[in-house]
């Protein structure tokens, strides 16, 4: 479903970042499992976190909930959080719900 990966050398942070890779499908049915896997992969590092949403092709508003929950967890660890590859429909949904600013592009 979801996995964590080492940071890509071309991080927008100009340094090493931890990348959380979202799956291709993220609906209500997968949300809890996906969130658990993503947050368990955070570890105790201090590097910035990039949520890579570029694989998402089938999703509902639960994908936003997962991203926002990841953001909360990352910020509680004192780390920075950005989202890469957010699908335009999901970006539009975030704007509609008034949470787009909480999911900065990176």
PDB file of N, CA and C in Angstrom:
ATOM      1  N   UNK A   1       0.837  -1.189   0.000  1.00  0.00           N
ATOM      2  CA  UNK A   1       0.000   0.000   0.000  1.00  0.00           C
ATOM      3  C   UNK A   1       0.874   1.243   0.000  1.00  0.00           C
ATOM      4  N   UNK A   2       1.344   1.678   1.134  1.00  0.00           N
ATOM      5  CA  UNK A   2       2.188   2.868   1.202  1.00  0.00           C
ATOM      6  C   UNK A   2       3.560   2.432   1.676  1.00  0.00           C
ATOM      7  N   UNK A   3       4.526   3.209   1.359  1.00  0.00           N
ATOM      8  CA  UNK A   3       5.869   2.889   1.786  1.00  0.00           C
ATOM      9  C   UNK A   3       6.623   4.174   2.044  1.00  0.00           C
ATOM     10  N   UNK A   4       7.695   4.050   2.784  1.00  0.00           N
ATOM     11  CA  UNK A   4       8.560   5.204   2.947  1.00  0.00           C
ATOM     12  C   UNK A   4       9.819   4.927   2.161  1.00  0.00           C
ATOM     13  N   UNK A   5      10.417   5.961   1.709  1.00  0.00           N
ATOM     14  CA  UNK A   5      11.633   5.809   0.915  1.00  0.00           C
ATOM     15  C   UNK A   5      12.638   6.847   1.359  1.00  0.00           C
ATOM     16  N   UNK A   6      13.874   6.568   1.099  1.00  0.00           N
ATOM     17  CA  UNK A   6      14.914   7.550   1.387  1.00  0.00           C
ATOM     18  C   UNK A   6      14.701   8.762   0.494  1.00  0.00           C
ATOM     19  N   UNK A   7      15.225   9.850   0.914  1.00  0.00           N
ATOM     20  CA  UNK A   7      15.015  11.097   0.186  1.00  0.00           C
ATOM     21  C   UNK A   7      15.705  11.100  -1.159  1.00  0.00           C
ATOM     22  N   UNK A   8      15.075  11.771  -2.072  1.00  0.00           N
ATOM     23  CA  UNK A   8      15.682  11.983  -3.382  1.00  0.00           C
ATOM     24  C   UNK A   8      16.708  13.103  -3.253  1.00  0.00           C
ATOM     25  N   UNK A   9      17.797  13.035  -3.998  1.00  0.00           N
ATOM     26  CA  UNK A   9      18.808  14.082  -3.880  1.00  0.00           C
ATOM     27  C   UNK A   9      18.327  15.432  -4.394  1.00  0.00           C
ATOM     28  N   UNK A  10      17.231  15.458  -5.134  1.00  0.00           N
ATOM     29  CA  UNK A  10      16.724  16.708  -5.693  1.00  0.00           C
ATOM     30  C   UNK A  10      15.576  17.270  -4.855  1.00  0.00           C
ATOM     31  N   UNK A  11      15.663  17.138  -3.567  1.00  0.00           N
ATOM     32  CA  UNK A  11      14.641  17.659  -2.677  1.00  0.00           C
ATOM     33  C   UNK A  11      14.540  19.171  -2.817  1.00  0.00           C
ATOM     34  N   UNK A  12      13.326  19.695  -2.692  1.00  0.00           N
ATOM     35  CA  UNK A  12      13.136  21.138  -2.752  1.00  0.00           C
ATOM     36  C   UNK A  12      13.750  21.834  -1.546  1.00  0.00           C
ATOM     37  N   UNK A  13      14.121  21.073  -0.545  1.00  0.00           N
ATOM     38  CA  UNK A  13      14.721  21.658   0.640  1.00  0.00           C
ATOM     39  C   UNK A  13      16.204  21.925   0.452  1.00  0.00           C
ATOM     40  N   UNK A  14      16.797  21.407  -0.620  1.00  0.00           N
ATOM     41  CA  UNK A  14      18.221  21.572  -0.829  1.00  0.00           C
ATOM     42  C   UNK A  14      19.035  20.716   0.126  1.00  0.00           C
ATOM     43  N   UNK A  15      18.404  19.746   0.745  1.00  0.00           N
ATOM     44  CA  UNK A  15      19.067  18.843   1.671  1.00  0.00           C
ATOM     45  C   UNK A  15      18.340  17.508   1.610  1.00  0.00           C
ATOM     46  N   UNK A  16      18.806  16.582   2.376  1.00  0.00           N
ATOM     47  CA  UNK A  16      18.157  15.275   2.410  1.00  0.00           C
ATOM     48  C   UNK A  16      16.804  15.410   3.108  1.00  0.00           C
ATOM     49  N   UNK A  17      15.803  14.734   2.550  1.00  0.00           N
ATOM     50  CA  UNK A  17      14.468  14.736   3.137  1.00  0.00           C
ATOM     51  C   UNK A  17      13.955  13.311   3.188  1.00  0.00           C
ATOM     52  N   UNK A  18      13.081  13.033   4.126  1.00  0.00           N
ATOM     53  CA  UNK A  18      12.415  11.737   4.163  1.00  0.00           C
ATOM     54  C   UNK A  18      11.176  11.838   3.286  1.00  0.00           C
ATOM     55  N   UNK A  19      11.012  10.881   2.388  1.00  0.00           N
ATOM     56  CA  UNK A  19       9.887  10.901   1.462  1.00  0.00           C
ATOM     57  C   UNK A  19       8.885   9.829   1.861  1.00  0.00           C
ATOM     58  N   UNK A  20       7.640  10.240   2.060  1.00  0.00           N
ATOM     59  CA  UNK A  20       6.540   9.312   2.311  1.00  0.00           C
ATOM     60  C   UNK A  20       5.784   9.152   1.003  1.00  0.00           C
ATOM     61  N   UNK A  21       5.718   7.941   0.485  1.00  0.00           N
ATOM     62  CA  UNK A  21       5.105   7.691  -0.815  1.00  0.00           C
ATOM     63  C   UNK A  21       3.679   7.194  -0.623  1.00  0.00           C
ATOM     64  N   UNK A  22       2.718   7.969  -1.151  1.00  0.00           N
ATOM     65  CA  UNK A  22       1.324   7.558  -1.083  1.00  0.00           C
ATOM     66  C   UNK A  22       1.022   6.562  -2.195  1.00  0.00           C
ATOM     67  N   UNK A  23       0.050   5.681  -1.969  1.00  0.00           N
ATOM     68  CA  UNK A  23      -0.289   4.663  -2.971  1.00  0.00           C
ATOM     69  C   UNK A  23      -1.098   5.248  -4.122  1.00  0.00           C
ATOM     70  N   UNK A  24      -1.357   4.451  -5.132  1.00  0.00           N
ATOM     71  CA  UNK A  24      -2.155   4.881  -6.279  1.00  0.00           C
ATOM     72  C   UNK A  24      -3.618   5.049  -5.948  1.00  0.00           C
ATOM     73  N   UNK A  25      -4.099   4.308  -4.971  1.00  0.00           N
ATOM     74  CA  UNK A  25      -5.496   4.409  -4.542  1.00  0.00           C
ATOM     75  C   UNK A  25      -5.538   4.705  -3.056  1.00  0.00           C
ATOM     76  N   UNK A  26      -6.288   5.732  -2.707  1.00  0.00           N
ATOM     77  CA  UNK A  26      -6.430   6.103  -1.301  1.00  0.00           C
ATOM     78  C   UNK A  26      -7.835   6.635  -1.075  1.00  0.00           C
ATOM     79  N   UNK A  27      -8.702   5.729  -0.674  1.00  0.00           N
ATOM     80  CA  UNK A  27     -10.085   6.082  -0.366  1.00  0.00           C
ATOM     81  C   UNK A  27     -10.344   5.748   1.096  1.00  0.00           C
ATOM     82  N   UNK A  28     -11.564   5.938   1.520  1.00  0.00           N
ATOM     83  CA  UNK A  28     -11.939   5.652   2.905  1.00  0.00           C
ATOM     84  C   UNK A  28     -11.528   4.234   3.313  1.00  0.00           C
ATOM     85  N   UNK A  29     -11.653   3.295   2.392  1.00  0.00           N
ATOM     86  CA  UNK A  29     -11.339   1.894   2.694  1.00  0.00           C
ATOM     87  C   UNK A  29      -9.867   1.678   3.046  1.00  0.00           C
ATOM     88  N   UNK A  30      -8.970   2.476   2.492  1.00  0.00           N
ATOM     89  CA  UNK A  30      -7.537   2.303   2.741  1.00  0.00           C
ATOM     90  C   UNK A  30      -6.953   3.322   3.713  1.00  0.00           C
ATOM     91  N   UNK A  31      -7.719   4.314   4.092  1.00  0.00           N
ATOM     92  CA  UNK A  31      -7.172   5.466   4.817  1.00  0.00           C
ATOM     93  C   UNK A  31      -6.472   5.101   6.124  1.00  0.00           C
ATOM     94  N   UNK A  32      -7.109   4.334   6.989  1.00  0.00           N
ATOM     95  CA  UNK A  32      -6.504   4.026   8.293  1.00  0.00           C
ATOM     96  C   UNK A  32      -5.211   3.237   8.152  1.00  0.00           C
ATOM     97  N   UNK A  33      -5.227   2.244   7.275  1.00  0.00           N
ATOM     98  CA  UNK A  33      -4.028   1.433   7.070  1.00  0.00           C
ATOM     99  C   UNK A  33      -2.903   2.273   6.481  1.00  0.00           C
ATOM    100  N   UNK A  34      -3.234   3.088   5.502  1.00  0.00           N
ATOM    101  CA  UNK A  34      -2.233   3.944   4.872  1.00  0.00           C
ATOM    102  C   UNK A  34      -1.638   4.917   5.886  1.00  0.00           C
ATOM    103  N   UNK A  35      -2.482   5.559   6.661  1.00  0.00           N
ATOM    104  CA  UNK A  35      -2.005   6.512   7.660  1.00  0.00           C
ATOM    105  C   UNK A  35      -1.081   5.833   8.665  1.00  0.00           C
ATOM    106  N   UNK A  36      -1.474   4.670   9.131  1.00  0.00           N
ATOM    107  CA  UNK A  36      -0.645   3.940  10.095  1.00  0.00           C
ATOM    108  C   UNK A  36       0.730   3.621   9.492  1.00  0.00           C
ATOM    109  N   UNK A  37       0.748   3.156   8.252  1.00  0.00           N
ATOM    110  CA  UNK A  37       2.021   2.818   7.606  1.00  0.00           C
ATOM    111  C   UNK A  37       2.895   4.056   7.404  1.00  0.00           C
ATOM    112  N   UNK A  38       2.285   5.144   6.980  1.00  0.00           N
ATOM    113  CA  UNK A  38       3.053   6.370   6.742  1.00  0.00           C
ATOM    114  C   UNK A  38       3.636   6.923   8.034  1.00  0.00           C
ATOM    115  N   UNK A  39       2.836   6.980   9.085  1.00  0.00           N
ATOM    116  CA  UNK A  39       3.325   7.565  10.336  1.00  0.00           C
ATOM    117  C   UNK A  39       4.312   6.646  11.043  1.00  0.00           C
ATOM    118  N   UNK A  40       4.157   5.332  10.907  1.00  0.00           N
ATOM    119  CA  UNK A  40       5.138   4.413  11.499  1.00  0.00           C
ATOM    120  C   UNK A  40       6.497   4.576  10.838  1.00  0.00           C
ATOM    121  N   UNK A  41       6.496   4.970   9.588  1.00  0.00           N
ATOM    122  CA  UNK A  41       7.746   5.133   8.866  1.00  0.00           C
ATOM    123  C   UNK A  41       8.478   6.424   9.163  1.00  0.00           C
ATOM    124  N   UNK A  42       7.899   7.285   9.974  1.00  0.00           N
ATOM    125  CA  UNK A  42       8.527   8.582  10.221  1.00  0.00           C
ATOM    126  C   UNK A  42       9.824   8.489  11.002  1.00  0.00           C
ATOM    127  N   UNK A  43       9.907   7.611  11.932  1.00  0.00           N
ATOM    128  CA  UNK A  43      11.135   7.494  12.703  1.00  0.00           C
ATOM    129  C   UNK A  43      11.399   8.727  13.549  1.00  0.00           C
ATOM    130  N   UNK A  44      12.620   8.883  13.942  1.00  0.00           N
ATOM    131  CA  UNK A  44      12.990   9.971  14.845  1.00  0.00           C
ATOM    132  C   UNK A  44      13.949  10.967  14.212  1.00  0.00           C
ATOM    133  N   UNK A  45      14.102  10.934  12.911  1.00  0.00           N
ATOM    134  CA  UNK A  45      15.024  11.853  12.248  1.00  0.00           C
ATOM    135  C   UNK A  45      14.598  13.302  12.379  1.00  0.00           C
ATOM    136  N   UNK A  46      15.456  14.182  11.934  1.00  0.00           N
ATOM    137  CA  UNK A  46      15.167  15.615  11.970  1.00  0.00           C
ATOM    138  C   UNK A  46      15.000  16.202  10.579  1.00  0.00           C
ATOM    139  N   UNK A  47      15.231  15.381   9.542  1.00  0.00           N
ATOM    140  CA  UNK A  47      15.149  15.889   8.183  1.00  0.00           C
ATOM    141  C   UNK A  47      13.704  16.248   7.827  1.00  0.00           C
ATOM    142  N   UNK A  48      13.525  17.158   6.875  1.00  0.00           N
ATOM    143  CA  UNK A  48      12.182  17.519   6.415  1.00  0.00           C
ATOM    144  C   UNK A  48      11.475  16.294   5.832  1.00  0.00           C
ATOM    145  N   UNK A  49      10.154  16.359   5.794  1.00  0.00           N
ATOM    146  CA  UNK A  49       9.352  15.260   5.256  1.00  0.00           C
ATOM    147  C   UNK A  49       8.615  15.741   4.012  1.00  0.00           C
ATOM    148  N   UNK A  50       8.717  14.951   2.951  1.00  0.00           N
ATOM    149  CA  UNK A  50       8.012  15.217   1.701  1.00  0.00           C
ATOM    150  C   UNK A  50       7.009  14.095   1.493  1.00  0.00           C
ATOM    151  N   UNK A  51       5.733  14.440   1.387  1.00  0.00           N
ATOM    152  CA  UNK A  51       4.706  13.455   1.048  1.00  0.00           C
ATOM    153  C   UNK A  51       4.585  13.441  -0.469  1.00  0.00           C
ATOM    154  N   UNK A  52       4.942  12.330  -1.073  1.00  0.00           N
ATOM    155  CA  UNK A  52       4.889  12.205  -2.530  1.00  0.00           C
ATOM    156  C   UNK A  52       3.536  11.618  -2.920  1.00  0.00           C
ATOM    157  N   UNK A  53       2.670  12.472  -3.449  1.00  0.00           N
ATOM    158  CA  UNK A  53       1.316  12.065  -3.830  1.00  0.00           C
ATOM    159  C   UNK A  53       1.183  11.841  -5.331  1.00  0.00           C
ATOM    160  N   UNK A  54       2.299  11.790  -6.039  1.00  0.00           N
ATOM    161  CA  UNK A  54       2.248  11.720  -7.502  1.00  0.00           C
ATOM    162  C   UNK A  54       1.637  10.428  -8.031  1.00  0.00           C
ATOM    163  N   UNK A  55       1.628   9.363  -7.250  1.00  0.00           N
ATOM    164  CA  UNK A  55       1.040   8.096  -7.703  1.00  0.00           C
ATOM    165  C   UNK A  55      -0.479   8.063  -7.548  1.00  0.00           C
ATOM    166  N   UNK A  56      -1.038   8.976  -6.769  1.00  0.00           N
ATOM    167  CA  UNK A  56      -2.486   8.960  -6.512  1.00  0.00           C
ATOM    168  C   UNK A  56      -3.287   9.170  -7.795  1.00  0.00           C
ATOM    169  N   UNK A  57      -4.108   8.192  -8.131  1.00  0.00           N
ATOM    170  CA  UNK A  57      -4.993   8.326  -9.289  1.00  0.00           C
ATOM    171  C   UNK A  57      -6.450   8.078  -8.909  1.00  0.00           C
ATOM    172  N   UNK A  58      -6.671   7.313  -7.857  1.00  0.00           N
ATOM    173  CA  UNK A  58      -8.033   7.053  -7.379  1.00  0.00           C
ATOM    174  C   UNK A  58      -8.072   7.420  -5.899  1.00  0.00           C
ATOM    175  N   UNK A  59      -8.906   8.405  -5.573  1.00  0.00           N
ATOM    176  CA  UNK A  59      -8.922   8.903  -4.202  1.00  0.00           C
ATOM    177  C   UNK A  59     -10.253   9.580  -3.917  1.00  0.00           C
ATOM    178  N   UNK A  60     -10.499   9.807  -2.646  1.00  0.00           N
ATOM    179  CA  UNK A  60     -11.629  10.616  -2.211  1.00  0.00           C
ATOM    180  C   UNK A  60     -11.103  11.570  -1.138  1.00  0.00           C
ATOM    181  N   UNK A  61     -11.996  12.213  -0.432  1.00  0.00           N
ATOM    182  CA  UNK A  61     -11.557  13.196   0.561  1.00  0.00           C
ATOM    183  C   UNK A  61     -10.746  12.565   1.692  1.00  0.00           C
ATOM    184  N   UNK A  62     -10.794  11.257   1.827  1.00  0.00           N
ATOM    185  CA  UNK A  62      -9.973  10.581   2.833  1.00  0.00           C
ATOM    186  C   UNK A  62      -8.489  10.788   2.571  1.00  0.00           C
ATOM    187  N   UNK A  63      -8.114  10.968   1.316  1.00  0.00           N
ATOM    188  CA  UNK A  63      -6.706  11.235   0.998  1.00  0.00           C
ATOM    189  C   UNK A  63      -6.256  12.544   1.645  1.00  0.00           C
ATOM    190  N   UNK A  64      -7.138  13.540   1.634  1.00  0.00           N
ATOM    191  CA  UNK A  64      -6.812  14.803   2.316  1.00  0.00           C
ATOM    192  C   UNK A  64      -6.663  14.583   3.813  1.00  0.00           C
ATOM    193  N   UNK A  65      -7.562  13.792   4.377  1.00  0.00           N
ATOM    194  CA  UNK A  65      -7.497  13.514   5.812  1.00  0.00           C
ATOM    195  C   UNK A  65      -6.176  12.836   6.169  1.00  0.00           C
ATOM    196  N   UNK A  66      -5.730  11.908   5.337  1.00  0.00           N
ATOM    197  CA  UNK A  66      -4.459  11.222   5.581  1.00  0.00           C
ATOM    198  C   UNK A  66      -3.298  12.213   5.497  1.00  0.00           C
ATOM    199  N   UNK A  67      -3.290  13.045   4.472  1.00  0.00           N
ATOM    200  CA  UNK A  67      -2.221  14.038   4.336  1.00  0.00           C
ATOM    201  C   UNK A  67      -2.199  15.001   5.521  1.00  0.00           C
ATOM    202  N   UNK A  68      -3.360  15.450   5.945  1.00  0.00           N
ATOM    203  CA  UNK A  68      -3.420  16.380   7.078  1.00  0.00           C
ATOM    204  C   UNK A  68      -2.985  15.710   8.376  1.00  0.00           C
ATOM    205  N   UNK A  69      -3.345  14.446   8.562  1.00  0.00           N
ATOM    206  CA  UNK A  69      -2.916  13.715   9.757  1.00  0.00           C
ATOM    207  C   UNK A  69      -1.400  13.504   9.742  1.00  0.00           C
ATOM    208  N   UNK A  70      -0.850  13.195   8.578  1.00  0.00           N
ATOM    209  CA  UNK A  70       0.612  13.072   8.459  1.00  0.00           C
ATOM    210  C   UNK A  70       1.277  14.398   8.801  1.00  0.00           C
ATOM    211  N   UNK A  71       0.726  15.474   8.275  1.00  0.00           N
ATOM    212  CA  UNK A  71       1.266  16.807   8.547  1.00  0.00           C
ATOM    213  C   UNK A  71       1.285  17.086  10.050  1.00  0.00           C
ATOM    214  N   UNK A  72       0.166  16.799  10.726  1.00  0.00           N
ATOM    215  CA  UNK A  72       0.095  17.014  12.179  1.00  0.00           C
ATOM    216  C   UNK A  72       1.186  16.235  12.902  1.00  0.00           C
ATOM    217  N   UNK A  73       1.351  14.974  12.523  1.00  0.00           N
ATOM    218  CA  UNK A  73       2.358  14.133  13.174  1.00  0.00           C
ATOM    219  C   UNK A  73       3.764  14.663  12.913  1.00  0.00           C
ATOM    220  N   UNK A  74       4.043  15.021  11.677  1.00  0.00           N
ATOM    221  CA  UNK A  74       5.368  15.536  11.308  1.00  0.00           C
ATOM    222  C   UNK A  74       5.674  16.826  12.068  1.00  0.00           C
ATOM    223  N   UNK A  75       4.714  17.746  12.093  1.00  0.00           N
ATOM    224  CA  UNK A  75       4.937  19.013  12.798  1.00  0.00           C
ATOM    225  C   UNK A  75       5.100  18.793  14.295  1.00  0.00           C
ATOM    226  N   UNK A  76       4.399  17.804  14.858  1.00  0.00           N
ATOM    227  CA  UNK A  76       4.539  17.520  16.290  1.00  0.00           C
ATOM    228  C   UNK A  76       5.937  17.005  16.622  1.00  0.00           C
ATOM    229  N   UNK A  77       6.626  16.473  15.617  1.00  0.00           N
ATOM    230  CA  UNK A  77       8.005  16.006  15.796  1.00  0.00           C
ATOM    231  C   UNK A  77       9.021  17.117  15.540  1.00  0.00           C
ATOM    232  N   UNK A  78       8.526  18.324  15.245  1.00  0.00           N
ATOM    233  CA  UNK A  78       9.405  19.463  15.007  1.00  0.00           C
ATOM    234  C   UNK A  78      10.041  19.472  13.629  1.00  0.00           C
ATOM    235  N   UNK A  79       9.428  18.770  12.691  1.00  0.00           N
ATOM    236  CA  UNK A  79       9.968  18.678  11.337  1.00  0.00           C
ATOM    237  C   UNK A  79       9.067  19.445  10.377  1.00  0.00           C
ATOM    238  N   UNK A  80       9.601  19.794   9.223  1.00  0.00           N
ATOM    239  CA  UNK A  80       8.797  20.499   8.224  1.00  0.00           C
ATOM    240  C   UNK A  80       8.154  19.493   7.273  1.00  0.00           C
ATOM    241  N   UNK A  81       7.080  19.929   6.604  1.00  0.00           N
ATOM    242  CA  UNK A  81       6.261  19.035   5.786  1.00  0.00           C
ATOM    243  C   UNK A  81       5.813  19.745   4.520  1.00  0.00           C
ATOM    244  N   UNK A  82       6.005  19.090   3.382  1.00  0.00           N
ATOM    245  CA  UNK A  82       5.480  19.575   2.105  1.00  0.00           C
ATOM    246  C   UNK A  82       4.908  18.391   1.339  1.00  0.00           C
ATOM    247  N   UNK A  83       4.101  18.708   0.335  1.00  0.00           N
ATOM    248  CA  UNK A  83       3.497  17.679  -0.510  1.00  0.00           C
ATOM    249  C   UNK A  83       3.995  17.871  -1.931  1.00  0.00           C
ATOM    250  N   UNK A  84       4.403  16.788  -2.543  1.00  0.00           N
ATOM    251  CA  UNK A  84       4.876  16.818  -3.924  1.00  0.00           C
ATOM    252  C   UNK A  84       3.906  16.004  -4.784  1.00  0.00           C
ATOM    253  N   UNK A  85       3.585  16.521  -5.976  1.00  0.00           N
ATOM    254  CA  UNK A  85       2.786  15.765  -6.939  1.00  0.00           C
ATOM    255  C   UNK A  85       1.316  15.656  -6.610  1.00  0.00           C
ATOM    256  N   UNK A  86       0.764  16.653  -5.952  1.00  0.00           N
ATOM    257  CA  UNK A  86      -0.658  16.604  -5.600  1.00  0.00           C
ATOM    258  C   UNK A  86      -1.507  16.707  -6.862  1.00  0.00           C
ATOM    259  N   UNK A  87      -2.393  15.752  -7.057  1.00  0.00           N
ATOM    260  CA  UNK A  87      -3.277  15.719  -8.224  1.00  0.00           C
ATOM    261  C   UNK A  87      -4.125  16.994  -8.247  1.00  0.00           C
ATOM    262  N   UNK A  88      -4.350  17.591  -9.411  1.00  0.00           N
ATOM    263  CA  UNK A  88      -5.143  18.824  -9.493  1.00  0.00           C
ATOM    264  C   UNK A  88      -6.537  18.709  -8.863  1.00  0.00           C
ATOM    265  N   UNK A  89      -7.175  17.550  -8.999  1.00  0.00           N
ATOM    266  CA  UNK A  89      -8.500  17.378  -8.372  1.00  0.00           C
ATOM    267  C   UNK A  89      -8.400  17.389  -6.851  1.00  0.00           C
ATOM    268  N   UNK A  90      -7.349  16.768  -6.332  1.00  0.00           N
ATOM    269  CA  UNK A  90      -7.172  16.752  -4.884  1.00  0.00           C
ATOM    270  C   UNK A  90      -6.779  18.137  -4.384  1.00  0.00           C
ATOM    271  N   UNK A  91      -5.987  18.838  -5.158  1.00  0.00           N
ATOM    272  CA  UNK A  91      -5.635  20.216  -4.825  1.00  0.00           C
ATOM    273  C   UNK A  91      -6.882  21.098  -4.804  1.00  0.00           C
ATOM    274  N   UNK A  92      -7.759  20.895  -5.781  1.00  0.00           N
ATOM    275  CA  UNK A  92      -9.019  21.638  -5.821  1.00  0.00           C
ATOM    276  C   UNK A  92      -9.906  21.322  -4.634  1.00  0.00           C
ATOM    277  N   UNK A  93      -9.923  20.061  -4.241  1.00  0.00           N
ATOM    278  CA  UNK A  93     -10.706  19.655  -3.075  1.00  0.00           C
ATOM    279  C   UNK A  93     -10.152  20.308  -1.810  1.00  0.00           C
ATOM    280  N   UNK A  94      -8.834  20.372  -1.703  1.00  0.00           N
ATOM    281  CA  UNK A  94      -8.208  21.028  -0.549  1.00  0.00           C
ATOM    282  C   UNK A  94      -8.574  22.505  -0.508  1.00  0.00           C
ATOM    283  N   UNK A  95      -8.595  23.152  -1.669  1.00  0.00           N
ATOM    284  CA  UNK A  95      -8.990  24.564  -1.732  1.00  0.00           C
ATOM    285  C   UNK A  95     -10.451  24.731  -1.338  1.00  0.00           C
ATOM    286  N   UNK A  96     -11.303  23.844  -1.828  1.00  0.00           N
ATOM    287  CA  UNK A  96     -12.727  23.899  -1.502  1.00  0.00           C
ATOM    288  C   UNK A  96     -12.963  23.777   0.001  1.00  0.00           C
ATOM    289  N   UNK A  97     -12.205  22.895   0.650  1.00  0.00           N
ATOM    290  CA  UNK A  97     -12.342  22.685   2.096  1.00  0.00           C
ATOM    291  C   UNK A  97     -11.579  23.723   2.921  1.00  0.00           C
ATOM    292  N   UNK A  98     -10.819  24.594   2.249  1.00  0.00           N
ATOM    293  CA  UNK A  98     -10.086  25.635   2.958  1.00  0.00           C
ATOM    294  C   UNK A  98      -8.817  25.161   3.640  1.00  0.00           C
ATOM    295  N   UNK A  99      -8.242  24.054   3.166  1.00  0.00           N
ATOM    296  CA  UNK A  99      -7.036  23.520   3.804  1.00  0.00           C
ATOM    297  C   UNK A  99      -5.825  23.511   2.870  1.00  0.00           C
ATOM    298  N   UNK A 100      -5.944  24.115   1.705  1.00  0.00           N
ATOM    299  CA  UNK A 100      -4.851  24.085   0.726  1.00  0.00           C
ATOM    300  C   UNK A 100      -3.553  24.659   1.297  1.00  0.00           C
ATOM    301  N   UNK A 101      -3.643  25.703   2.086  1.00  0.00           N
ATOM    302  CA  UNK A 101      -2.440  26.325   2.652  1.00  0.00           C
ATOM    303  C   UNK A 101      -1.726  25.404   3.640  1.00  0.00           C
ATOM    304  N   UNK A 102      -2.434  24.408   4.157  1.00  0.00           N
ATOM    305  CA  UNK A 102      -1.824  23.471   5.095  1.00  0.00           C
ATOM    306  C   UNK A 102      -1.017  22.385   4.392  1.00  0.00           C
ATOM    307  N   UNK A 103      -1.146  22.316   3.064  1.00  0.00           N
ATOM    308  CA  UNK A 103      -0.452  21.299   2.277  1.00  0.00           C
ATOM    309  C   UNK A 103       0.436  21.974   1.230  1.00  0.00           C
ATOM    310  N   UNK A 104       1.488  22.649   1.673  1.00  0.00           N
ATOM    311  CA  UNK A 104       2.334  23.387   0.729  1.00  0.00           C
ATOM    312  C   UNK A 104       3.031  22.455  -0.257  1.00  0.00           C
ATOM    313  N   UNK A 105       3.158  22.937  -1.474  1.00  0.00           N
ATOM    314  CA  UNK A 105       3.844  22.160  -2.513  1.00  0.00           C
ATOM    315  C   UNK A 105       5.342  22.178  -2.262  1.00  0.00           C
ATOM    316  N   UNK A 106       5.978  21.084  -2.590  1.00  0.00           N
ATOM    317  CA  UNK A 106       7.410  21.028  -2.386  1.00  0.00           C
ATOM    318  C   UNK A 106       8.095  20.177  -3.403  1.00  0.00           C
TER     319      UNK A 106
END
